[in-house]
């Protein structure tokens, strides 16, 4: 049996995440958690918790006028989230009733 140099647990986990493609999913979850910080407390309480799958963020907004305002601002919101993460994770934001 051949011995290997010791590695930090952080490096081992990082390699495991990259090889199993979980790193992208973790970044999507991170983007969903950023929603409240991007839009503020009041708007976040008016919306459902964001879900992100394959780069698409889905947010329930029961108020039609707020949903329309967010729809108009969706490209700016997407850019702010992606800038906060440091790479393009969110490709589209959809608002539902």
PDB file of N, CA and C in Angstrom:
ATOM      1  N   UNK A   1       0.838  -1.170   0.000  1.00  0.00           N
ATOM      2  CA  UNK A   1       0.000   0.000   0.000  1.00  0.00           C
ATOM      3  C   UNK A   1       0.889   1.240   0.000  1.00  0.00           C
ATOM      4  N   UNK A   2       0.614   2.135  -0.900  1.00  0.00           N
ATOM      5  CA  UNK A   2       1.410   3.339  -1.039  1.00  0.00           C
ATOM      6  C   UNK A   2       0.834   4.457  -0.165  1.00  0.00           C
ATOM      7  N   UNK A   3       1.707   5.161   0.539  1.00  0.00           N
ATOM      8  CA  UNK A   3       1.272   6.269   1.387  1.00  0.00           C
ATOM      9  C   UNK A   3       1.184   7.551   0.573  1.00  0.00           C
ATOM     10  N   UNK A   4       0.234   8.372   0.921  1.00  0.00           N
ATOM     11  CA  UNK A   4       0.050   9.670   0.285  1.00  0.00           C
ATOM     12  C   UNK A   4       0.347  10.766   1.295  1.00  0.00           C
ATOM     13  N   UNK A   5       0.683  11.927   0.778  1.00  0.00           N
ATOM     14  CA  UNK A   5       0.900  13.077   1.643  1.00  0.00           C
ATOM     15  C   UNK A   5      -0.419  13.451   2.313  1.00  0.00           C
ATOM     16  N   UNK A   6      -0.382  13.904   3.556  1.00  0.00           N
ATOM     17  CA  UNK A   6      -1.630  14.309   4.218  1.00  0.00           C
ATOM     18  C   UNK A   6      -2.236  15.539   3.531  1.00  0.00           C
ATOM     19  N   UNK A   7      -3.566  15.564   3.486  1.00  0.00           N
ATOM     20  CA  UNK A   7      -4.294  16.685   2.890  1.00  0.00           C
ATOM     21  C   UNK A   7      -5.245  17.245   3.930  1.00  0.00           C
ATOM     22  N   UNK A   8      -5.523  18.522   3.822  1.00  0.00           N
ATOM     23  CA  UNK A   8      -6.478  19.122   4.759  1.00  0.00           C
ATOM     24  C   UNK A   8      -7.879  18.623   4.414  1.00  0.00           C
ATOM     25  N   UNK A   9      -8.736  18.559   5.417  1.00  0.00           N
ATOM     26  CA  UNK A   9     -10.105  18.082   5.206  1.00  0.00           C
ATOM     27  C   UNK A   9     -10.861  19.025   4.270  1.00  0.00           C
ATOM     28  N   UNK A  10     -10.538  20.324   4.334  1.00  0.00           N
ATOM     29  CA  UNK A  10     -11.172  21.296   3.439  1.00  0.00           C
ATOM     30  C   UNK A  10     -10.861  21.005   1.990  1.00  0.00           C
ATOM     31  N   UNK A  11      -9.588  20.651   1.696  1.00  0.00           N
ATOM     32  CA  UNK A  11      -9.204  20.316   0.324  1.00  0.00           C
ATOM     33  C   UNK A  11      -9.900  19.053  -0.152  1.00  0.00           C
ATOM     34  N   UNK A  12     -10.011  18.075   0.721  1.00  0.00           N
ATOM     35  CA  UNK A  12     -10.662  16.814   0.359  1.00  0.00           C
ATOM     36  C   UNK A  12     -12.138  17.058   0.044  1.00  0.00           C
ATOM     37  N   UNK A  13     -12.813  17.846   0.876  1.00  0.00           N
ATOM     38  CA  UNK A  13     -14.227  18.142   0.651  1.00  0.00           C
ATOM     39  C   UNK A  13     -14.409  18.945  -0.631  1.00  0.00           C
ATOM     40  N   UNK A  14     -13.549  19.917  -0.878  1.00  0.00           N
ATOM     41  CA  UNK A  14     -13.625  20.740  -2.086  1.00  0.00           C
ATOM     42  C   UNK A  14     -13.509  19.862  -3.342  1.00  0.00           C
ATOM     43  N   UNK A  15     -12.555  18.940  -3.344  1.00  0.00           N
ATOM     44  CA  UNK A  15     -12.374  18.042  -4.491  1.00  0.00           C
ATOM     45  C   UNK A  15     -13.601  17.145  -4.657  1.00  0.00           C
ATOM     46  N   UNK A  16     -14.128  16.637  -3.556  1.00  0.00           N
ATOM     47  CA  UNK A  16     -15.318  15.788  -3.603  1.00  0.00           C
ATOM     48  C   UNK A  16     -16.506  16.546  -4.193  1.00  0.00           C
ATOM     49  N   UNK A  17     -16.714  17.785  -3.758  1.00  0.00           N
ATOM     50  CA  UNK A  17     -17.825  18.582  -4.277  1.00  0.00           C
ATOM     51  C   UNK A  17     -17.670  18.844  -5.767  1.00  0.00           C
ATOM     52  N   UNK A  18     -16.465  19.176  -6.199  1.00  0.00           N
ATOM     53  CA  UNK A  18     -16.229  19.454  -7.616  1.00  0.00           C
ATOM     54  C   UNK A  18     -16.426  18.216  -8.469  1.00  0.00           C
ATOM     55  N   UNK A  19     -15.962  17.084  -7.986  1.00  0.00           N
ATOM     56  CA  UNK A  19     -16.084  15.854  -8.766  1.00  0.00           C
ATOM     57  C   UNK A  19     -17.520  15.349  -8.825  1.00  0.00           C
ATOM     58  N   UNK A  20     -18.313  15.634  -7.812  1.00  0.00           N
ATOM     59  CA  UNK A  20     -19.686  15.135  -7.796  1.00  0.00           C
ATOM     60  C   UNK A  20     -20.685  16.174  -8.296  1.00  0.00           C
ATOM     61  N   UNK A  21     -20.232  17.308  -8.759  1.00  0.00           N
ATOM     62  CA  UNK A  21     -21.041  18.426  -9.266  1.00  0.00           C
ATOM     63  C   UNK A  21     -21.982  18.999  -8.208  1.00  0.00           C
ATOM     64  N   UNK A  22     -21.693  18.783  -6.965  1.00  0.00           N
ATOM     65  CA  UNK A  22     -22.478  19.388  -5.894  1.00  0.00           C
ATOM     66  C   UNK A  22     -22.093  20.848  -5.664  1.00  0.00           C
ATOM     67  N   UNK A  23     -20.932  21.247  -6.142  1.00  0.00           N
ATOM     68  CA  UNK A  23     -20.486  22.624  -5.950  1.00  0.00           C
ATOM     69  C   UNK A  23     -21.467  23.597  -6.595  1.00  0.00           C
ATOM     70  N   UNK A  24     -21.943  23.295  -7.788  1.00  0.00           N
ATOM     71  CA  UNK A  24     -22.893  24.171  -8.476  1.00  0.00           C
ATOM     72  C   UNK A  24     -24.204  24.246  -7.699  1.00  0.00           C
ATOM     73  N   UNK A  25     -24.656  23.107  -7.178  1.00  0.00           N
ATOM     74  CA  UNK A  25     -25.906  23.093  -6.404  1.00  0.00           C
ATOM     75  C   UNK A  25     -25.753  23.918  -5.130  1.00  0.00           C
ATOM     76  N   UNK A  26     -24.599  23.846  -4.499  1.00  0.00           N
ATOM     77  CA  UNK A  26     -24.365  24.621  -3.289  1.00  0.00           C
ATOM     78  C   UNK A  26     -24.355  26.118  -3.604  1.00  0.00           C
ATOM     79  N   UNK A  27     -23.824  26.497  -4.747  1.00  0.00           N
ATOM     80  CA  UNK A  27     -23.840  27.905  -5.145  1.00  0.00           C
ATOM     81  C   UNK A  27     -25.257  28.373  -5.451  1.00  0.00           C
ATOM     82  N   UNK A  28     -26.095  27.498  -5.998  1.00  0.00           N
ATOM     83  CA  UNK A  28     -27.497  27.841  -6.221  1.00  0.00           C
ATOM     84  C   UNK A  28     -28.206  28.092  -4.893  1.00  0.00           C
ATOM     85  N   UNK A  29     -27.940  27.259  -3.909  1.00  0.00           N
ATOM     86  CA  UNK A  29     -28.536  27.452  -2.589  1.00  0.00           C
ATOM     87  C   UNK A  29     -28.045  28.744  -1.952  1.00  0.00           C
ATOM     88  N   UNK A  30     -26.795  29.052  -2.155  1.00  0.00           N
ATOM     89  CA  UNK A  30     -26.226  30.301  -1.653  1.00  0.00           C
ATOM     90  C   UNK A  30     -26.917  31.505  -2.299  1.00  0.00           C
ATOM     91  N   UNK A  31     -27.192  31.402  -3.595  1.00  0.00           N
ATOM     92  CA  UNK A  31     -27.890  32.480  -4.306  1.00  0.00           C
ATOM     93  C   UNK A  31     -29.295  32.672  -3.740  1.00  0.00           C
ATOM     94  N   UNK A  32     -29.983  31.591  -3.430  1.00  0.00           N
ATOM     95  CA  UNK A  32     -31.330  31.688  -2.858  1.00  0.00           C
ATOM     96  C   UNK A  32     -31.295  32.384  -1.499  1.00  0.00           C
ATOM     97  N   UNK A  33     -30.268  32.095  -0.712  1.00  0.00           N
ATOM     98  CA  UNK A  33     -30.153  32.736   0.605  1.00  0.00           C
ATOM     99  C   UNK A  33     -29.847  34.226   0.477  1.00  0.00           C
ATOM    100  N   UNK A  34     -29.301  34.664  -0.633  1.00  0.00           N
ATOM    101  CA  UNK A  34     -28.956  36.072  -0.833  1.00  0.00           C
ATOM    102  C   UNK A  34     -30.172  36.935  -1.154  1.00  0.00           C
ATOM    103  N   UNK A  35     -31.277  36.339  -1.526  1.00  0.00           N
ATOM    104  CA  UNK A  35     -32.455  37.073  -1.961  1.00  0.00           C
ATOM    105  C   UNK A  35     -32.848  38.163  -0.962  1.00  0.00           C
ATOM    106  N   UNK A  36     -32.956  37.811   0.313  1.00  0.00           N
ATOM    107  CA  UNK A  36     -33.387  38.765   1.337  1.00  0.00           C
ATOM    108  C   UNK A  36     -32.426  39.954   1.425  1.00  0.00           C
ATOM    109  N   UNK A  37     -31.141  39.698   1.351  1.00  0.00           N
ATOM    110  CA  UNK A  37     -30.160  40.771   1.410  1.00  0.00           C
ATOM    111  C   UNK A  37     -30.202  41.675   0.194  1.00  0.00           C
ATOM    112  N   UNK A  38     -30.606  41.149  -0.943  1.00  0.00           N
ATOM    113  CA  UNK A  38     -30.661  41.927  -2.185  1.00  0.00           C
ATOM    114  C   UNK A  38     -31.914  42.809  -2.219  1.00  0.00           C
ATOM    115  N   UNK A  39     -33.071  42.238  -1.872  1.00  0.00           N
ATOM    116  CA  UNK A  39     -34.328  42.991  -2.005  1.00  0.00           C
ATOM    117  C   UNK A  39     -34.761  43.681  -0.716  1.00  0.00           C
ATOM    118  N   UNK A  40     -34.189  43.304   0.414  1.00  0.00           N
ATOM    119  CA  UNK A  40     -34.572  43.908   1.688  1.00  0.00           C
ATOM    120  C   UNK A  40     -35.618  43.092   2.431  1.00  0.00           C
ATOM    121  N   UNK A  41     -35.758  43.400   3.707  1.00  0.00           N
ATOM    122  CA  UNK A  41     -36.654  42.634   4.578  1.00  0.00           C
ATOM    123  C   UNK A  41     -38.113  42.701   4.149  1.00  0.00           C
ATOM    124  N   UNK A  42     -38.591  43.907   3.848  1.00  0.00           N
ATOM    125  CA  UNK A  42     -40.016  44.057   3.543  1.00  0.00           C
ATOM    126  C   UNK A  42     -40.417  43.243   2.314  1.00  0.00           C
ATOM    127  N   UNK A  43     -39.692  43.397   1.217  1.00  0.00           N
ATOM    128  CA  UNK A  43     -40.042  42.664  -0.009  1.00  0.00           C
ATOM    129  C   UNK A  43     -39.867  41.169   0.205  1.00  0.00           C
ATOM    130  N   UNK A  44     -38.807  40.765   0.901  1.00  0.00           N
ATOM    131  CA  UNK A  44     -38.571  39.343   1.147  1.00  0.00           C
ATOM    132  C   UNK A  44     -39.717  38.708   1.925  1.00  0.00           C
ATOM    133  N   UNK A  45     -40.319  39.459   2.869  1.00  0.00           N
ATOM    134  CA  UNK A  45     -41.440  38.899   3.629  1.00  0.00           C
ATOM    135  C   UNK A  45     -42.702  38.789   2.783  1.00  0.00           C
ATOM    136  N   UNK A  46     -42.784  39.551   1.695  1.00  0.00           N
ATOM    137  CA  UNK A  46     -43.943  39.495   0.797  1.00  0.00           C
ATOM    138  C   UNK A  46     -43.819  38.358  -0.224  1.00  0.00           C
ATOM    139  N   UNK A  47     -42.659  37.720  -0.278  1.00  0.00           N
ATOM    140  CA  UNK A  47     -42.383  36.666  -1.266  1.00  0.00           C
ATOM    141  C   UNK A  47     -42.179  35.325  -0.565  1.00  0.00           C
ATOM    142  N   UNK A  48     -42.319  34.256  -1.334  1.00  0.00           N
ATOM    143  CA  UNK A  48     -41.975  32.938  -0.801  1.00  0.00           C
ATOM    144  C   UNK A  48     -40.453  32.780  -0.814  1.00  0.00           C
ATOM    145  N   UNK A  49     -39.971  31.769  -0.151  1.00  0.00           N
ATOM    146  CA  UNK A  49     -38.539  31.480  -0.149  1.00  0.00           C
ATOM    147  C   UNK A  49     -38.147  31.043  -1.561  1.00  0.00           C
ATOM    148  N   UNK A  50     -37.108  31.660  -2.133  1.00  0.00           N
ATOM    149  CA  UNK A  50     -36.717  31.327  -3.508  1.00  0.00           C
ATOM    150  C   UNK A  50     -36.224  29.884  -3.643  1.00  0.00           C
ATOM    151  N   UNK A  51     -36.562  29.295  -4.769  1.00  0.00           N
ATOM    152  CA  UNK A  51     -36.052  27.976  -5.143  1.00  0.00           C
ATOM    153  C   UNK A  51     -35.190  28.170  -6.384  1.00  0.00           C
ATOM    154  N   UNK A  52     -34.051  27.505  -6.428  1.00  0.00           N
ATOM    155  CA  UNK A  52     -33.173  27.621  -7.594  1.00  0.00           C
ATOM    156  C   UNK A  52     -32.883  26.223  -8.117  1.00  0.00           C
ATOM    157  N   UNK A  53     -33.107  26.027  -9.398  1.00  0.00           N
ATOM    158  CA  UNK A  53     -32.806  24.768 -10.081  1.00  0.00           C
ATOM    159  C   UNK A  53     -32.244  25.064 -11.451  1.00  0.00           C
ATOM    160  N   UNK A  54     -31.086  24.528 -11.719  1.00  0.00           N
ATOM    161  CA  UNK A  54     -30.439  24.662 -13.025  1.00  0.00           C
ATOM    162  C   UNK A  54     -30.352  26.121 -13.470  1.00  0.00           C
ATOM    163  N   UNK A  55     -30.033  26.998 -12.534  1.00  0.00           N
ATOM    164  CA  UNK A  55     -29.826  28.398 -12.848  1.00  0.00           C
ATOM    165  C   UNK A  55     -31.073  29.262 -12.871  1.00  0.00           C
ATOM    166  N   UNK A  56     -32.247  28.671 -12.683  1.00  0.00           N
ATOM    167  CA  UNK A  56     -33.502  29.422 -12.701  1.00  0.00           C
ATOM    168  C   UNK A  56     -33.992  29.600 -11.267  1.00  0.00           C
ATOM    169  N   UNK A  57     -34.155  30.866 -10.864  1.00  0.00           N
ATOM    170  CA  UNK A  57     -34.674  31.172  -9.533  1.00  0.00           C
ATOM    171  C   UNK A  57     -36.174  31.393  -9.652  1.00  0.00           C
ATOM    172  N   UNK A  58     -36.936  30.658  -8.860  1.00  0.00           N
ATOM    173  CA  UNK A  58     -38.394  30.735  -8.871  1.00  0.00           C
ATOM    174  C   UNK A  58     -38.857  31.293  -7.536  1.00  0.00           C
ATOM    175  N   UNK A  59     -39.653  32.381  -7.587  1.00  0.00           N
ATOM    176  CA  UNK A  59     -40.100  33.061  -6.379  1.00  0.00           C
ATOM    177  C   UNK A  59     -41.601  33.300  -6.476  1.00  0.00           C
ATOM    178  N   UNK A  60     -42.322  32.882  -5.459  1.00  0.00           N
ATOM    179  CA  UNK A  60     -43.757  33.141  -5.390  1.00  0.00           C
ATOM    180  C   UNK A  60     -44.018  34.525  -4.825  1.00  0.00           C
ATOM    181  N   UNK A  61     -44.836  35.303  -5.538  1.00  0.00           N
ATOM    182  CA  UNK A  61     -45.196  36.656  -5.104  1.00  0.00           C
ATOM    183  C   UNK A  61     -46.711  36.792  -5.255  1.00  0.00           C
ATOM    184  N   UNK A  62     -47.470  36.707  -4.153  1.00  0.00           N
ATOM    185  CA  UNK A  62     -48.929  36.743  -4.259  1.00  0.00           C
ATOM    186  C   UNK A  62     -49.494  38.103  -4.667  1.00  0.00           C
ATOM    187  N   UNK A  63     -48.786  39.185  -4.404  1.00  0.00           N
ATOM    188  CA  UNK A  63     -49.248  40.530  -4.717  1.00  0.00           C
ATOM    189  C   UNK A  63     -48.911  40.847  -6.176  1.00  0.00           C
ATOM    190  N   UNK A  64     -49.938  41.091  -6.989  1.00  0.00           N
ATOM    191  CA  UNK A  64     -49.743  41.300  -8.434  1.00  0.00           C
ATOM    192  C   UNK A  64     -48.901  42.532  -8.741  1.00  0.00           C
ATOM    193  N   UNK A  65     -49.108  43.622  -8.025  1.00  0.00           N
ATOM    194  CA  UNK A  65     -48.348  44.837  -8.330  1.00  0.00           C
ATOM    195  C   UNK A  65     -46.873  44.667  -7.958  1.00  0.00           C
ATOM    196  N   UNK A  66     -46.604  44.008  -6.839  1.00  0.00           N
ATOM    197  CA  UNK A  66     -45.212  43.741  -6.457  1.00  0.00           C
ATOM    198  C   UNK A  66     -44.573  42.773  -7.453  1.00  0.00           C
ATOM    199  N   UNK A  67     -45.332  41.751  -7.865  1.00  0.00           N
ATOM    200  CA  UNK A  67     -44.821  40.792  -8.849  1.00  0.00           C
ATOM    201  C   UNK A  67     -44.431  41.511 -10.146  1.00  0.00           C
ATOM    202  N   UNK A  68     -45.239  42.474 -10.577  1.00  0.00           N
ATOM    203  CA  UNK A  68     -44.944  43.235 -11.791  1.00  0.00           C
ATOM    204  C   UNK A  68     -43.686  44.081 -11.605  1.00  0.00           C
ATOM    205  N   UNK A  69     -43.541  44.747 -10.464  1.00  0.00           N
ATOM    206  CA  UNK A  69     -42.348  45.558 -10.193  1.00  0.00           C
ATOM    207  C   UNK A  69     -41.091  44.686 -10.182  1.00  0.00           C
ATOM    208  N   UNK A  70     -41.170  43.530  -9.548  1.00  0.00           N
ATOM    209  CA  UNK A  70     -40.017  42.625  -9.513  1.00  0.00           C
ATOM    210  C   UNK A  70     -39.707  42.087 -10.905  1.00  0.00           C
ATOM    211  N   UNK A  71     -40.745  41.808 -11.677  1.00  0.00           N
ATOM    212  CA  UNK A  71     -40.549  41.318 -13.049  1.00  0.00           C
ATOM    213  C   UNK A  71     -39.770  42.341 -13.867  1.00  0.00           C
ATOM    214  N   UNK A  72     -40.127  43.604 -13.727  1.00  0.00           N
ATOM    215  CA  UNK A  72     -39.441  44.670 -14.462  1.00  0.00           C
ATOM    216  C   UNK A  72     -37.972  44.761 -14.045  1.00  0.00           C
ATOM    217  N   UNK A  73     -37.697  44.480 -12.764  1.00  0.00           N
ATOM    218  CA  UNK A  73     -36.336  44.605 -12.219  1.00  0.00           C
ATOM    219  C   UNK A  73     -35.544  43.303 -12.244  1.00  0.00           C
ATOM    220  N   UNK A  74     -36.068  42.265 -12.847  1.00  0.00           N
ATOM    221  CA  UNK A  74     -35.452  40.944 -12.734  1.00  0.00           C
ATOM    222  C   UNK A  74     -34.020  40.867 -13.264  1.00  0.00           C
ATOM    223  N   UNK A  75     -33.707  41.578 -14.337  1.00  0.00           N
ATOM    224  CA  UNK A  75     -32.338  41.505 -14.871  1.00  0.00           C
ATOM    225  C   UNK A  75     -31.350  42.174 -13.909  1.00  0.00           C
ATOM    226  N   UNK A  76     -31.758  43.280 -13.302  1.00  0.00           N
ATOM    227  CA  UNK A  76     -30.899  43.941 -12.314  1.00  0.00           C
ATOM    228  C   UNK A  76     -30.718  43.059 -11.087  1.00  0.00           C
ATOM    229  N   UNK A  77     -31.801  42.439 -10.631  1.00  0.00           N
ATOM    230  CA  UNK A  77     -31.723  41.541  -9.471  1.00  0.00           C
ATOM    231  C   UNK A  77     -30.790  40.364  -9.763  1.00  0.00           C
ATOM    232  N   UNK A  78     -30.916  39.803 -10.958  1.00  0.00           N
ATOM    233  CA  UNK A  78     -30.064  38.676 -11.360  1.00  0.00           C
ATOM    234  C   UNK A  78     -28.592  39.096 -11.348  1.00  0.00           C
ATOM    235  N   UNK A  79     -28.302  40.276 -11.889  1.00  0.00           N
ATOM    236  CA  UNK A  79     -26.926  40.771 -11.908  1.00  0.00           C
ATOM    237  C   UNK A  79     -26.387  40.975 -10.498  1.00  0.00           C
ATOM    238  N   UNK A  80     -27.199  41.531  -9.608  1.00  0.00           N
ATOM    239  CA  UNK A  80     -26.757  41.759  -8.229  1.00  0.00           C
ATOM    240  C   UNK A  80     -26.438  40.446  -7.512  1.00  0.00           C
ATOM    241  N   UNK A  81     -27.277  39.452  -7.718  1.00  0.00           N
ATOM    242  CA  UNK A  81     -27.040  38.144  -7.088  1.00  0.00           C
ATOM    243  C   UNK A  81     -25.760  37.526  -7.636  1.00  0.00           C
ATOM    244  N   UNK A  82     -25.614  37.525  -8.953  1.00  0.00           N
ATOM    245  CA  UNK A  82     -24.427  36.931  -9.568  1.00  0.00           C
ATOM    246  C   UNK A  82     -23.150  37.673  -9.176  1.00  0.00           C
ATOM    247  N   UNK A  83     -23.221  39.002  -9.078  1.00  0.00           N
ATOM    248  CA  UNK A  83     -22.055  39.774  -8.641  1.00  0.00           C
ATOM    249  C   UNK A  83     -21.675  39.420  -7.214  1.00  0.00           C
ATOM    250  N   UNK A  84     -22.667  39.228  -6.364  1.00  0.00           N
ATOM    251  CA  UNK A  84     -22.395  38.864  -4.966  1.00  0.00           C
ATOM    252  C   UNK A  84     -21.709  37.509  -4.857  1.00  0.00           C
ATOM    253  N   UNK A  85     -22.077  36.590  -5.729  1.00  0.00           N
ATOM    254  CA  UNK A  85     -21.474  35.255  -5.719  1.00  0.00           C
ATOM    255  C   UNK A  85     -20.118  35.263  -6.404  1.00  0.00           C
ATOM    256  N   UNK A  86     -19.972  36.102  -7.408  1.00  0.00           N
ATOM    257  CA  UNK A  86     -18.705  36.184  -8.124  1.00  0.00           C
ATOM    258  C   UNK A  86     -18.672  35.398  -9.421  1.00  0.00           C
ATOM    259  N   UNK A  87     -19.791  34.810  -9.796  1.00  0.00           N
ATOM    260  CA  UNK A  87     -19.905  34.121 -11.078  1.00  0.00           C
ATOM    261  C   UNK A  87     -21.367  33.993 -11.435  1.00  0.00           C
ATOM    262  N   UNK A  88     -21.636  33.671 -12.690  1.00  0.00           N
ATOM    263  CA  UNK A  88     -23.025  33.592 -13.136  1.00  0.00           C
ATOM    264  C   UNK A  88     -23.645  32.252 -12.750  1.00  0.00           C
ATOM    265  N   UNK A  89     -24.435  32.292 -11.701  1.00  0.00           N
ATOM    266  CA  UNK A  89     -25.158  31.112 -11.235  1.00  0.00           C
ATOM    267  C   UNK A  89     -26.619  31.206 -11.663  1.00  0.00           C
ATOM    268  N   UNK A  90     -27.196  32.399 -11.524  1.00  0.00           N
ATOM    269  CA  UNK A  90     -28.601  32.615 -11.871  1.00  0.00           C
ATOM    270  C   UNK A  90     -28.669  33.106 -13.313  1.00  0.00           C
ATOM    271  N   UNK A  91     -29.362  32.348 -14.158  1.00  0.00           N
ATOM    272  CA  UNK A  91     -29.519  32.731 -15.557  1.00  0.00           C
ATOM    273  C   UNK A  91     -30.865  33.378 -15.813  1.00  0.00           C
ATOM    274  N   UNK A  92     -31.845  33.098 -14.920  1.00  0.00           N
ATOM    275  CA  UNK A  92     -33.186  33.613 -15.113  1.00  0.00           C
ATOM    276  C   UNK A  92     -33.897  33.669 -13.766  1.00  0.00           C
ATOM    277  N   UNK A  93     -34.771  34.670 -13.606  1.00  0.00           N
ATOM    278  CA  UNK A  93     -35.608  34.761 -12.413  1.00  0.00           C
ATOM    279  C   UNK A  93     -37.063  34.768 -12.872  1.00  0.00           C
ATOM    280  N   UNK A  94     -37.869  33.882 -12.286  1.00  0.00           N
ATOM    281  CA  UNK A  94     -39.288  33.800 -12.613  1.00  0.00           C
ATOM    282  C   UNK A  94     -40.107  34.075 -11.353  1.00  0.00           C
ATOM    283  N   UNK A  95     -41.179  34.860 -11.518  1.00  0.00           N
ATOM    284  CA  UNK A  95     -42.066  35.191 -10.411  1.00  0.00           C
ATOM    285  C   UNK A  95     -43.421  34.566 -10.686  1.00  0.00           C
ATOM    286  N   UNK A  96     -43.957  33.895  -9.684  1.00  0.00           N
ATOM    287  CA  UNK A  96     -45.265  33.244  -9.838  1.00  0.00           C
ATOM    288  C   UNK A  96     -46.222  33.779  -8.778  1.00  0.00           C
ATOM    289  N   UNK A  97     -47.511  33.534  -8.994  1.00  0.00           N
ATOM    290  CA  UNK A  97     -48.511  34.007  -8.038  1.00  0.00           C
ATOM    291  C   UNK A  97     -48.762  32.974  -6.955  1.00  0.00           C
TER     292      UNK A  97
END
